[in-house]
Amino acid sequence: MPTERREHAGHHYAIQFHYALPDDAWAVELSEAVPAPATWTENPSGEMHLPGAAFLVAFVPDEDPNLEPTVHIHSHDGLVVPYEITRWSMEQVADQAERCRIGFQQDGREAVE
């Protein structure tokens, strides 16, 4: 799973991309990154933080050009997400949606308006 990480105000965040087969869509998950296991510190090129439980998941459909991306928010503790991190996440979702739209055009499956 491709992952991107970013630090903001002392907190670490991660975005993971994976294909959600039941939804016929790409999932773009935003989470707070958690420290990697202590045993990983022996490897200087190893990741220091790993994606945690996703609190924002965007689904970008890639099978039906008439479906729009949707965003699902999962937070039980009143999590506050900084604007810059939310914006970064939504840019990733927009980029994924654009890649799917290009794929639709190349396959001759453009959306019906």
PDB file of N, CA and C in Angstrom:
ATOM      1  N   MET A   1       0.830  -1.173   0.000  1.00  0.00           N
ATOM      2  CA  MET A   1       0.000   0.000   0.000  1.00  0.00           C
ATOM      3  C   MET A   1       0.876   1.239   0.000  1.00  0.00           C
ATOM      4  N   PRO A   2       0.742   2.079  -0.992  1.00  0.00           N
ATOM      5  CA  PRO A   2       1.509   3.326  -0.961  1.00  0.00           C
ATOM      6  C   PRO A   2       1.074   4.200   0.225  1.00  0.00           C
ATOM      7  N   THR A   3       2.050   4.806   0.861  1.00  0.00           N
ATOM      8  CA  THR A   3       1.779   5.648   2.021  1.00  0.00           C
ATOM      9  C   THR A   3       2.573   6.938   1.904  1.00  0.00           C
ATOM     10  N   GLU A   4       1.940   8.032   2.307  1.00  0.00           N
ATOM     11  CA  GLU A   4       2.627   9.316   2.413  1.00  0.00           C
ATOM     12  C   GLU A   4       2.504   9.779   3.850  1.00  0.00           C
ATOM     13  N   ARG A   5       3.522  10.474   4.334  1.00  0.00           N
ATOM     14  CA  ARG A   5       3.520  10.948   5.715  1.00  0.00           C
ATOM     15  C   ARG A   5       3.815  12.437   5.761  1.00  0.00           C
ATOM     16  N   ARG A   6       3.310  13.063   6.814  1.00  0.00           N
ATOM     17  CA  ARG A   6       3.566  14.484   7.015  1.00  0.00           C
ATOM     18  C   ARG A   6       3.518  14.779   8.508  1.00  0.00           C
ATOM     19  N   GLU A   7       4.381  15.692   8.922  1.00  0.00           N
ATOM     20  CA  GLU A   7       4.382  16.147  10.313  1.00  0.00           C
ATOM     21  C   GLU A   7       3.818  17.555  10.347  1.00  0.00           C
ATOM     22  N   HIS A   8       3.006  17.823  11.367  1.00  0.00           N
ATOM     23  CA  HIS A   8       2.435  19.161  11.522  1.00  0.00           C
ATOM     24  C   HIS A   8       2.254  19.429  13.011  1.00  0.00           C
ATOM     25  N   ALA A   9       2.851  20.495  13.494  1.00  0.00           N
ATOM     26  CA  ALA A   9       2.730  20.924  14.890  1.00  0.00           C
ATOM     27  C   ALA A   9       3.047  19.785  15.872  1.00  0.00           C
ATOM     28  N   GLY A  10       4.077  19.010  15.561  1.00  0.00           N
ATOM     29  CA  GLY A  10       4.509  17.952  16.456  1.00  0.00           C
ATOM     30  C   GLY A  10       3.733  16.652  16.345  1.00  0.00           C
ATOM     31  N   HIS A  11       2.744  16.599  15.474  1.00  0.00           N
ATOM     32  CA  HIS A  11       1.968  15.370  15.263  1.00  0.00           C
ATOM     33  C   HIS A  11       2.320  14.800  13.899  1.00  0.00           C
ATOM     34  N   HIS A  12       2.259  13.492  13.798  1.00  0.00           N
ATOM     35  CA  HIS A  12       2.561  12.814  12.543  1.00  0.00           C
ATOM     36  C   HIS A  12       1.260  12.272  11.953  1.00  0.00           C
ATOM     37  N   TYR A  13       1.117  12.428  10.635  1.00  0.00           N
ATOM     38  CA  TYR A  13      -0.075  11.969   9.926  1.00  0.00           C
ATOM     39  C   TYR A  13       0.365  11.109   8.752  1.00  0.00           C
ATOM     40  N   ALA A  14      -0.532  10.225   8.322  1.00  0.00           N
ATOM     41  CA  ALA A  14      -0.233   9.349   7.193  1.00  0.00           C
ATOM     42  C   ALA A  14      -1.452   9.253   6.288  1.00  0.00           C
ATOM     43  N   ILE A  15      -1.187   9.120   5.002  1.00  0.00           N
ATOM     44  CA  ILE A  15      -2.233   8.838   4.021  1.00  0.00           C
ATOM     45  C   ILE A  15      -1.849   7.529   3.346  1.00  0.00           C
ATOM     46  N   GLN A  16      -2.803   6.599   3.315  1.00  0.00           N
ATOM     47  CA  GLN A  16      -2.613   5.315   2.638  1.00  0.00           C
ATOM     48  C   GLN A  16      -3.598   5.217   1.485  1.00  0.00           C
ATOM     49  N   PHE A  17      -3.160   4.595   0.412  1.00  0.00           N
ATOM     50  CA  PHE A  17      -4.003   4.353  -0.749  1.00  0.00           C
ATOM     51  C   PHE A  17      -4.153   2.838  -0.893  1.00  0.00           C
ATOM     52  N   HIS A  18      -5.370   2.378  -1.056  1.00  0.00           N
ATOM     53  CA  HIS A  18      -5.575   0.963  -1.361  1.00  0.00           C
ATOM     54  C   HIS A  18      -6.889   0.816  -2.119  1.00  0.00           C
ATOM     55  N   TYR A  19      -7.022  -0.304  -2.791  1.00  0.00           N
ATOM     56  CA  TYR A  19      -8.239  -0.533  -3.550  1.00  0.00           C
ATOM     57  C   TYR A  19      -9.249  -1.251  -2.672  1.00  0.00           C
ATOM     58  N   ALA A  20     -10.448  -0.662  -2.557  1.00  0.00           N
ATOM     59  CA  ALA A  20     -11.536  -1.248  -1.772  1.00  0.00           C
ATOM     60  C   ALA A  20     -12.435  -2.017  -2.735  1.00  0.00           C
ATOM     61  N   LEU A  21     -12.162  -3.290  -2.891  1.00  0.00           N
ATOM     62  CA  LEU A  21     -12.859  -4.117  -3.871  1.00  0.00           C
ATOM     63  C   LEU A  21     -14.376  -4.101  -3.701  1.00  0.00           C
ATOM     64  N   PRO A  22     -14.917  -4.222  -2.472  1.00  0.00           N
ATOM     65  CA  PRO A  22     -16.377  -4.221  -2.351  1.00  0.00           C
ATOM     66  C   PRO A  22     -17.026  -2.918  -2.845  1.00  0.00           C
ATOM     67  N   ASP A  23     -16.268  -1.821  -2.795  1.00  0.00           N
ATOM     68  CA  ASP A  23     -16.798  -0.514  -3.210  1.00  0.00           C
ATOM     69  C   ASP A  23     -16.435  -0.168  -4.650  1.00  0.00           C
ATOM     70  N   ASP A  24     -15.642  -0.998  -5.314  1.00  0.00           N
ATOM     71  CA  ASP A  24     -15.131  -0.672  -6.647  1.00  0.00           C
ATOM     72  C   ASP A  24     -14.576   0.746  -6.665  1.00  0.00           C
ATOM     73  N   ALA A  25     -13.711   1.016  -5.688  1.00  0.00           N
ATOM     74  CA  ALA A  25     -13.188   2.369  -5.532  1.00  0.00           C
ATOM     75  C   ALA A  25     -11.816   2.335  -4.871  1.00  0.00           C
ATOM     76  N   TRP A  26     -11.068   3.401  -5.132  1.00  0.00           N
ATOM     77  CA  TRP A  26      -9.808   3.603  -4.421  1.00  0.00           C
ATOM     78  C   TRP A  26     -10.130   4.253  -3.087  1.00  0.00           C
ATOM     79  N   ALA A  27      -9.543   3.744  -2.026  1.00  0.00           N
ATOM     80  CA  ALA A  27      -9.700   4.335  -0.703  1.00  0.00           C
ATOM     81  C   ALA A  27      -8.453   5.150  -0.395  1.00  0.00           C
ATOM     82  N   VAL A  28      -8.676   6.381   0.032  1.00  0.00           N
ATOM     83  CA  VAL A  28      -7.594   7.273   0.446  1.00  0.00           C
ATOM     84  C   VAL A  28      -7.839   7.527   1.932  1.00  0.00           C
ATOM     85  N   GLU A  29      -6.989   6.947   2.782  1.00  0.00           N
ATOM     86  CA  GLU A  29      -7.212   6.981   4.224  1.00  0.00           C
ATOM     87  C   GLU A  29      -6.245   7.936   4.922  1.00  0.00           C
ATOM     88  N   LEU A  30      -6.791   8.825   5.740  1.00  0.00           N
ATOM     89  CA  LEU A  30      -5.987   9.730   6.556  1.00  0.00           C
ATOM     90  C   LEU A  30      -6.020   9.233   7.996  1.00  0.00           C
ATOM     91  N   SER A  31      -4.829   9.139   8.607  1.00  0.00           N
ATOM     92  CA  SER A  31      -4.741   8.711  10.003  1.00  0.00           C
ATOM     93  C   SER A  31      -3.624   9.468  10.691  1.00  0.00           C
ATOM     94  N   GLU A  32      -3.661   9.428  12.020  1.00  0.00           N
ATOM     95  CA  GLU A  32      -2.503   9.886  12.771  1.00  0.00           C
ATOM     96  C   GLU A  32      -1.498   8.752  12.709  1.00  0.00           C
ATOM     97  N   ALA A  33      -0.261   9.080  12.441  1.00  0.00           N
ATOM     98  CA  ALA A  33       0.774   8.050  12.374  1.00  0.00           C
ATOM     99  C   ALA A  33       1.220   7.708  13.789  1.00  0.00           C
ATOM    100  N   VAL A  34       1.502   6.443  13.992  1.00  0.00           N
ATOM    101  CA  VAL A  34       1.930   5.963  15.305  1.00  0.00           C
ATOM    102  C   VAL A  34       3.398   5.543  15.228  1.00  0.00           C
ATOM    103  N   PRO A  35       4.104   5.618  16.340  1.00  0.00           N
ATOM    104  CA  PRO A  35       5.517   5.220  16.316  1.00  0.00           C
ATOM    105  C   PRO A  35       5.687   3.764  15.879  1.00  0.00           C
ATOM    106  N   ALA A  36       6.714   3.537  15.104  1.00  0.00           N
ATOM    107  CA  ALA A  36       7.050   2.180  14.671  1.00  0.00           C
ATOM    108  C   ALA A  36       7.553   1.390  15.880  1.00  0.00           C
ATOM    109  N   PRO A  37       7.494   0.066  15.815  1.00  0.00           N
ATOM    110  CA  PRO A  37       8.009  -0.750  16.927  1.00  0.00           C
ATOM    111  C   PRO A  37       9.468  -0.413  17.240  1.00  0.00           C
ATOM    112  N   ALA A  38       9.812  -0.506  18.506  1.00  0.00           N
ATOM    113  CA  ALA A  38      11.168  -0.159  18.949  1.00  0.00           C
ATOM    114  C   ALA A  38      12.234  -0.973  18.221  1.00  0.00           C
ATOM    115  N   THR A  39      11.920  -2.178  17.845  1.00  0.00           N
ATOM    116  CA  THR A  39      12.912  -3.020  17.163  1.00  0.00           C
ATOM    117  C   THR A  39      13.283  -2.458  15.794  1.00  0.00           C
ATOM    118  N   TRP A  40      12.445  -1.608  15.251  1.00  0.00           N
ATOM    119  CA  TRP A  40      12.725  -1.022  13.936  1.00  0.00           C
ATOM    120  C   TRP A  40      13.771   0.084  14.010  1.00  0.00           C
ATOM    121  N   THR A  41      14.054   0.615  15.191  1.00  0.00           N
ATOM    122  CA  THR A  41      15.011   1.711  15.316  1.00  0.00           C
ATOM    123  C   THR A  41      16.430   1.279  14.977  1.00  0.00           C
ATOM    124  N   GLU A  42      16.660  -0.031  14.961  1.00  0.00           N
ATOM    125  CA  GLU A  42      17.984  -0.532  14.601  1.00  0.00           C
ATOM    126  C   GLU A  42      18.282  -0.339  13.118  1.00  0.00           C
ATOM    127  N   ASN A  43      17.243  -0.159  12.318  1.00  0.00           N
ATOM    128  CA  ASN A  43      17.392   0.039  10.874  1.00  0.00           C
ATOM    129  C   ASN A  43      17.286   1.541  10.578  1.00  0.00           C
ATOM    130  N   PRO A  44      18.411   2.214  10.280  1.00  0.00           N
ATOM    131  CA  PRO A  44      18.371   3.667  10.081  1.00  0.00           C
ATOM    132  C   PRO A  44      17.518   4.106   8.884  1.00  0.00           C
ATOM    133  N   SER A  45      17.299   3.208   7.930  1.00  0.00           N
ATOM    134  CA  SER A  45      16.476   3.590   6.777  1.00  0.00           C
ATOM    135  C   SER A  45      15.017   3.189   6.963  1.00  0.00           C
ATOM    136  N   GLY A  46      14.687   2.609   8.114  1.00  0.00           N
ATOM    137  CA  GLY A  46      13.328   2.162   8.389  1.00  0.00           C
ATOM    138  C   GLY A  46      12.404   3.324   8.720  1.00  0.00           C
ATOM    139  N   GLU A  47      11.125   3.074   8.571  1.00  0.00           N
ATOM    140  CA  GLU A  47      10.118   4.084   8.893  1.00  0.00           C
ATOM    141  C   GLU A  47      10.042   4.287  10.403  1.00  0.00           C
ATOM    142  N   MET A  48       9.918   5.526  10.831  1.00  0.00           N
ATOM    143  CA  MET A  48       9.810   5.825  12.253  1.00  0.00           C
ATOM    144  C   MET A  48       8.354   5.887  12.714  1.00  0.00           C
ATOM    145  N   HIS A  49       7.434   6.095  11.754  1.00  0.00           N
ATOM    146  CA  HIS A  49       6.009   6.142  12.065  1.00  0.00           C
ATOM    147  C   HIS A  49       5.243   5.337  11.025  1.00  0.00           C
ATOM    148  N   LEU A  50       4.180   4.693  11.487  1.00  0.00           N
ATOM    149  CA  LEU A  50       3.330   3.886  10.627  1.00  0.00           C
ATOM    150  C   LEU A  50       1.908   4.439  10.667  1.00  0.00           C
ATOM    151  N   PRO A  51       1.127   4.221   9.626  1.00  0.00           N
ATOM    152  CA  PRO A  51      -0.262   4.684   9.661  1.00  0.00           C
ATOM    153  C   PRO A  51      -1.018   4.033  10.819  1.00  0.00           C
ATOM    154  N   GLY A  52      -1.833   4.827  11.481  1.00  0.00           N
ATOM    155  CA  GLY A  52      -2.692   4.311  12.549  1.00  0.00           C
ATOM    156  C   GLY A  52      -4.079   4.027  11.997  1.00  0.00           C
ATOM    157  N   ALA A  53      -5.060   4.009  12.886  1.00  0.00           N
ATOM    158  CA  ALA A  53      -6.447   3.780  12.462  1.00  0.00           C
ATOM    159  C   ALA A  53      -6.939   5.004  11.696  1.00  0.00           C
ATOM    160  N   ALA A  54      -7.525   4.762  10.539  1.00  0.00           N
ATOM    161  CA  ALA A  54      -8.000   5.861   9.688  1.00  0.00           C
ATOM    162  C   ALA A  54      -9.173   6.577  10.342  1.00  0.00           C
ATOM    163  N   PHE A  55      -9.140   7.913  10.308  1.00  0.00           N
ATOM    164  CA  PHE A  55     -10.275   8.688  10.810  1.00  0.00           C
ATOM    165  C   PHE A  55     -10.993   9.425   9.691  1.00  0.00           C
ATOM    166  N   LEU A  56     -10.409   9.464   8.514  1.00  0.00           N
ATOM    167  CA  LEU A  56     -11.069  10.042   7.351  1.00  0.00           C
ATOM    168  C   LEU A  56     -10.744   9.141   6.160  1.00  0.00           C
ATOM    169  N   VAL A  57     -11.780   8.635   5.511  1.00  0.00           N
ATOM    170  CA  VAL A  57     -11.587   7.747   4.366  1.00  0.00           C
ATOM    171  C   VAL A  57     -12.400   8.282   3.199  1.00  0.00           C
ATOM    172  N   ALA A  58     -11.722   8.554   2.103  1.00  0.00           N
ATOM    173  CA  ALA A  58     -12.397   8.974   0.877  1.00  0.00           C
ATOM    174  C   ALA A  58     -12.400   7.800  -0.086  1.00  0.00           C
ATOM    175  N   PHE A  59     -13.556   7.550  -0.676  1.00  0.00           N
ATOM    176  CA  PHE A  59     -13.682   6.498  -1.685  1.00  0.00           C
ATOM    177  C   PHE A  59     -13.830   7.159  -3.042  1.00  0.00           C
ATOM    178  N   VAL A  60     -12.932   6.810  -3.959  1.00  0.00           N
ATOM    179  CA  VAL A  60     -12.929   7.371  -5.312  1.00  0.00           C
ATOM    180  C   VAL A  60     -13.288   6.235  -6.271  1.00  0.00           C
ATOM    181  N   PRO A  61     -14.549   6.208  -6.769  1.00  0.00           N
ATOM    182  CA  PRO A  61     -14.973   5.120  -7.661  1.00  0.00           C
ATOM    183  C   PRO A  61     -14.174   5.113  -8.959  1.00  0.00           C
ATOM    184  N   ASP A  62     -13.833   3.905  -9.423  1.00  0.00           N
ATOM    185  CA  ASP A  62     -13.117   3.823 -10.695  1.00  0.00           C
ATOM    186  C   ASP A  62     -13.789   2.859 -11.676  1.00  0.00           C
ATOM    187  N   GLU A  63     -14.989   2.415 -11.349  1.00  0.00           N
ATOM    188  CA  GLU A  63     -15.716   1.530 -12.249  1.00  0.00           C
ATOM    189  C   GLU A  63     -16.889   2.241 -12.924  1.00  0.00           C
ATOM    190  N   ASP A  64     -17.496   3.202 -12.252  1.00  0.00           N
ATOM    191  CA  ASP A  64     -18.671   3.908 -12.779  1.00  0.00           C
ATOM    192  C   ASP A  64     -18.361   5.399 -12.830  1.00  0.00           C
ATOM    193  N   PRO A  65     -18.218   5.965 -14.025  1.00  0.00           N
ATOM    194  CA  PRO A  65     -17.869   7.381 -14.134  1.00  0.00           C
ATOM    195  C   PRO A  65     -18.958   8.328 -13.632  1.00  0.00           C
ATOM    196  N   ASN A  66     -20.155   7.815 -13.371  1.00  0.00           N
ATOM    197  CA  ASN A  66     -21.243   8.667 -12.876  1.00  0.00           C
ATOM    198  C   ASN A  66     -21.246   8.802 -11.360  1.00  0.00           C
ATOM    199  N   LEU A  67     -20.425   8.021 -10.673  1.00  0.00           N
ATOM    200  CA  LEU A  67     -20.350   8.109  -9.214  1.00  0.00           C
ATOM    201  C   LEU A  67     -19.302   9.136  -8.802  1.00  0.00           C
ATOM    202  N   GLU A  68     -19.630   9.906  -7.780  1.00  0.00           N
ATOM    203  CA  GLU A  68     -18.713  10.912  -7.240  1.00  0.00           C
ATOM    204  C   GLU A  68     -17.951  10.333  -6.051  1.00  0.00           C
ATOM    205  N   PRO A  69     -16.774  10.858  -5.767  1.00  0.00           N
ATOM    206  CA  PRO A  69     -16.066  10.447  -4.554  1.00  0.00           C
ATOM    207  C   PRO A  69     -16.895  10.801  -3.313  1.00  0.00           C
ATOM    208  N   THR A  70     -16.750  10.006  -2.267  1.00  0.00           N
ATOM    209  CA  THR A  70     -17.423  10.273  -0.994  1.00  0.00           C
ATOM    210  C   THR A  70     -16.381  10.268   0.109  1.00  0.00           C
ATOM    211  N   VAL A  71     -16.684  10.968   1.193  1.00  0.00           N
ATOM    212  CA  VAL A  71     -15.774  11.053   2.334  1.00  0.00           C
ATOM    213  C   VAL A  71     -16.512  10.546   3.567  1.00  0.00           C
ATOM    214  N   HIS A  72     -15.869   9.647   4.300  1.00  0.00           N
ATOM    215  CA  HIS A  72     -16.427   9.079   5.522  1.00  0.00           C
ATOM    216  C   HIS A  72     -15.522   9.478   6.681  1.00  0.00           C
ATOM    217  N   ILE A  73     -16.113   9.995   7.744  1.00  0.00           N
ATOM    218  CA  ILE A  73     -15.350  10.447   8.907  1.00  0.00           C
ATOM    219  C   ILE A  73     -15.617   9.503  10.069  1.00  0.00           C
ATOM    220  N   HIS A  74     -14.541   9.023  10.687  1.00  0.00           N
ATOM    221  CA  HIS A  74     -14.635   8.087  11.807  1.00  0.00           C
ATOM    222  C   HIS A  74     -13.878   8.681  12.990  1.00  0.00           C
ATOM    223  N   SER A  75     -14.604   9.216  13.969  1.00  0.00           N
ATOM    224  CA  SER A  75     -13.944   9.766  15.149  1.00  0.00           C
ATOM    225  C   SER A  75     -14.883   9.660  16.335  1.00  0.00           C
ATOM    226  N   HIS A  76     -14.404   9.000  17.375  1.00  0.00           N
ATOM    227  CA  HIS A  76     -15.222   8.826  18.566  1.00  0.00           C
ATOM    228  C   HIS A  76     -14.801   9.777  19.678  1.00  0.00           C
ATOM    229  N   ASP A  77     -13.685  10.445  19.497  1.00  0.00           N
ATOM    230  CA  ASP A  77     -13.149  11.249  20.595  1.00  0.00           C
ATOM    231  C   ASP A  77     -13.044  12.733  20.268  1.00  0.00           C
ATOM    232  N   GLY A  78     -13.806  13.217  19.309  1.00  0.00           N
ATOM    233  CA  GLY A  78     -13.776  14.636  18.974  1.00  0.00           C
ATOM    234  C   GLY A  78     -12.443  15.085  18.411  1.00  0.00           C
ATOM    235  N   LEU A  79     -11.818  14.267  17.625  1.00  0.00           N
ATOM    236  CA  LEU A  79     -10.524  14.557  17.027  1.00  0.00           C
ATOM    237  C   LEU A  79     -10.553  15.871  16.265  1.00  0.00           C
ATOM    238  N   VAL A  80      -9.550  16.689  16.462  1.00  0.00           N
ATOM    239  CA  VAL A  80      -9.399  17.944  15.729  1.00  0.00           C
ATOM    240  C   VAL A  80      -8.273  17.759  14.724  1.00  0.00           C
ATOM    241  N   VAL A  81      -8.588  17.988  13.442  1.00  0.00           N
ATOM    242  CA  VAL A  81      -7.602  17.820  12.382  1.00  0.00           C
ATOM    243  C   VAL A  81      -7.207  19.206  11.882  1.00  0.00           C
ATOM    244  N   PRO A  82      -5.926  19.542  11.897  1.00  0.00           N
ATOM    245  CA  PRO A  82      -5.492  20.857  11.427  1.00  0.00           C
ATOM    246  C   PRO A  82      -5.890  21.092   9.963  1.00  0.00           C
ATOM    247  N   TYR A  83      -6.172  22.327   9.651  1.00  0.00           N
ATOM    248  CA  TYR A  83      -6.582  22.700   8.294  1.00  0.00           C
ATOM    249  C   TYR A  83      -5.569  22.235   7.252  1.00  0.00           C
ATOM    250  N   GLU A  84      -4.287  22.462   7.489  1.00  0.00           N
ATOM    251  CA  GLU A  84      -3.258  22.087   6.517  1.00  0.00           C
ATOM    252  C   GLU A  84      -3.258  20.586   6.245  1.00  0.00           C
ATOM    253  N   ILE A  85      -3.517  19.787   7.263  1.00  0.00           N
ATOM    254  CA  ILE A  85      -3.548  18.336   7.082  1.00  0.00           C
ATOM    255  C   ILE A  85      -4.811  17.942   6.313  1.00  0.00           C
ATOM    256  N   THR A  86      -5.934  18.564   6.632  1.00  0.00           N
ATOM    257  CA  THR A  86      -7.176  18.292   5.898  1.00  0.00           C
ATOM    258  C   THR A  86      -7.008  18.670   4.436  1.00  0.00           C
ATOM    259  N   ARG A  87      -6.413  19.811   4.192  1.00  0.00           N
ATOM    260  CA  ARG A  87      -6.188  20.267   2.809  1.00  0.00           C
ATOM    261  C   ARG A  87      -5.260  19.307   2.061  1.00  0.00           C
ATOM    262  N   TRP A  88      -4.180  18.895   2.696  1.00  0.00           N
ATOM    263  CA  TRP A  88      -3.253  17.926   2.099  1.00  0.00           C
ATOM    264  C   TRP A  88      -3.994  16.643   1.734  1.00  0.00           C
ATOM    265  N   SER A  89      -4.824  16.155   2.639  1.00  0.00           N
ATOM    266  CA  SER A  89      -5.590  14.938   2.394  1.00  0.00           C
ATOM    267  C   SER A  89      -6.539  15.118   1.210  1.00  0.00           C
ATOM    268  N   MET A  90      -7.244  16.218   1.161  1.00  0.00           N
ATOM    269  CA  MET A  90      -8.196  16.457   0.076  1.00  0.00           C
ATOM    270  C   MET A  90      -7.483  16.646  -1.265  1.00  0.00           C
ATOM    271  N   GLU A  91      -6.275  17.172  -1.246  1.00  0.00           N
ATOM    272  CA  GLU A  91      -5.485  17.262  -2.486  1.00  0.00           C
ATOM    273  C   GLU A  91      -5.156  15.858  -2.998  1.00  0.00           C
ATOM    274  N   GLN A  92      -4.847  14.947  -2.089  1.00  0.00           N
ATOM    275  CA  GLN A  92      -4.565  13.563  -2.480  1.00  0.00           C
ATOM    276  C   GLN A  92      -5.812  12.907  -3.075  1.00  0.00           C
ATOM    277  N   VAL A  93      -6.979  13.189  -2.470  1.00  0.00           N
ATOM    278  CA  VAL A  93      -8.240  12.650  -2.982  1.00  0.00           C
ATOM    279  C   VAL A  93      -8.516  13.222  -4.372  1.00  0.00           C
ATOM    280  N   ALA A  94      -8.315  14.528  -4.538  1.00  0.00           N
ATOM    281  CA  ALA A  94      -8.550  15.164  -5.842  1.00  0.00           C
ATOM    282  C   ALA A  94      -7.617  14.591  -6.906  1.00  0.00           C
ATOM    283  N   ASP A  95      -6.365  14.345  -6.547  1.00  0.00           N
ATOM    284  CA  ASP A  95      -5.416  13.748  -7.495  1.00  0.00           C
ATOM    285  C   ASP A  95      -5.863  12.342  -7.904  1.00  0.00           C
ATOM    286  N   GLN A  96      -6.339  11.558  -6.935  1.00  0.00           N
ATOM    287  CA  GLN A  96      -6.804  10.201  -7.243  1.00  0.00           C
ATOM    288  C   GLN A  96      -8.046  10.254  -8.133  1.00  0.00           C
ATOM    289  N   ALA A  97      -8.958  11.185  -7.851  1.00  0.00           N
ATOM    290  CA  ALA A  97     -10.163  11.336  -8.678  1.00  0.00           C
ATOM    291  C   ALA A  97      -9.785  11.719 -10.103  1.00  0.00           C
ATOM    292  N   GLU A  98      -8.799  12.573 -10.252  1.00  0.00           N
ATOM    293  CA  GLU A  98      -8.355  12.976 -11.590  1.00  0.00           C
ATOM    294  C   GLU A  98      -7.755  11.795 -12.345  1.00  0.00           C
ATOM    295  N   ARG A  99      -6.968  10.974 -11.666  1.00  0.00           N
ATOM    296  CA  ARG A  99      -6.408   9.780 -12.316  1.00  0.00           C
ATOM    297  C   ARG A  99      -7.523   8.846 -12.789  1.00  0.00           C
ATOM    298  N   CYS A 100      -8.568   8.693 -11.984  1.00  0.00           N
ATOM    299  CA  CYS A 100      -9.690   7.830 -12.386  1.00  0.00           C
ATOM    300  C   CYS A 100     -10.444   8.443 -13.563  1.00  0.00           C
ATOM    301  N   ARG A 101     -10.636   9.755 -13.562  1.00  0.00           N
ATOM    302  CA  ARG A 101     -11.337  10.404 -14.677  1.00  0.00           C
ATOM    303  C   ARG A 101     -10.549  10.248 -15.980  1.00  0.00           C
ATOM    304  N   ILE A 102      -9.240  10.355 -15.892  1.00  0.00           N
ATOM    305  CA  ILE A 102      -8.399  10.155 -17.083  1.00  0.00           C
ATOM    306  C   ILE A 102      -8.563   8.721 -17.578  1.00  0.00           C
ATOM    307  N   GLY A 103      -8.598   7.767 -16.655  1.00  0.00           N
ATOM    308  CA  GLY A 103      -8.804   6.372 -17.024  1.00  0.00           C
ATOM    309  C   GLY A 103     -10.152   6.169 -17.701  1.00  0.00           C
ATOM    310  N   PHE A 104     -11.204   6.839 -17.192  1.00  0.00           N
ATOM    311  CA  PHE A 104     -12.521   6.742 -17.812  1.00  0.00           C
ATOM    312  C   PHE A 104     -12.476   7.268 -19.242  1.00  0.00           C
ATOM    313  N   GLN A 105     -11.802   8.387 -19.432  1.00  0.00           N
ATOM    314  CA  GLN A 105     -11.715   8.985 -20.767  1.00  0.00           C
ATOM    315  C   GLN A 105     -10.950   8.069 -21.717  1.00  0.00           C
ATOM    316  N   GLN A 106      -9.872   7.493 -21.246  1.00  0.00           N
ATOM    317  CA  GLN A 106      -9.069   6.606 -22.095  1.00  0.00           C
ATOM    318  C   GLN A 106      -9.840   5.338 -22.471  1.00  0.00           C
ATOM    319  N   ASP A 107     -10.737   4.898 -21.586  1.00  0.00           N
ATOM    320  CA  ASP A 107     -11.542   3.707 -21.857  1.00  0.00           C
ATOM    321  C   ASP A 107     -12.832   4.039 -22.595  1.00  0.00           C
ATOM    322  N   GLY A 108     -13.074   5.345 -22.850  1.00  0.00           N
ATOM    323  CA  GLY A 108     -14.309   5.756 -23.520  1.00  0.00           C
ATOM    324  C   GLY A 108     -15.534   5.677 -22.621  1.00  0.00           C
ATOM    325  N   ARG A 109     -15.327   5.774 -21.300  1.00  0.00           N
ATOM    326  CA  ARG A 109     -16.448   5.686 -20.335  1.00  0.00           C
ATOM    327  C   ARG A 109     -16.635   7.004 -19.607  1.00  0.00           C
ATOM    328  N   GLU A 110     -16.914   8.057 -20.304  1.00  0.00           N
ATOM    329  CA  GLU A 110     -17.089   9.347 -19.628  1.00  0.00           C
ATOM    330  C   GLU A 110     -18.439   9.424 -18.950  1.00  0.00           C
ATOM    331  N   ALA A 111     -18.523  10.259 -17.929  1.00  0.00           N
ATOM    332  CA  ALA A 111     -19.754  10.407 -17.158  1.00  0.00           C
ATOM    333  C   ALA A 111     -20.875  10.996 -18.004  1.00  0.00           C
ATOM    334  N   VAL A 112     -22.097  10.567 -17.722  1.00  0.00           N
ATOM    335  CA  VAL A 112     -23.284  11.110 -18.384  1.00  0.00           C
ATOM    336  C   VAL A 112     -23.770  12.273 -17.555  1.00  0.00           C
ATOM    337  N   GLU A 113     -23.945  13.421 -18.187  1.00  0.00           N
ATOM    338  CA  GLU A 113     -24.384  14.606 -17.426  1.00  0.00           C
ATOM    339  C   GLU A 113     -25.852  14.855 -17.590  1.00  0.00           C
TER     340      GLU A 113
END
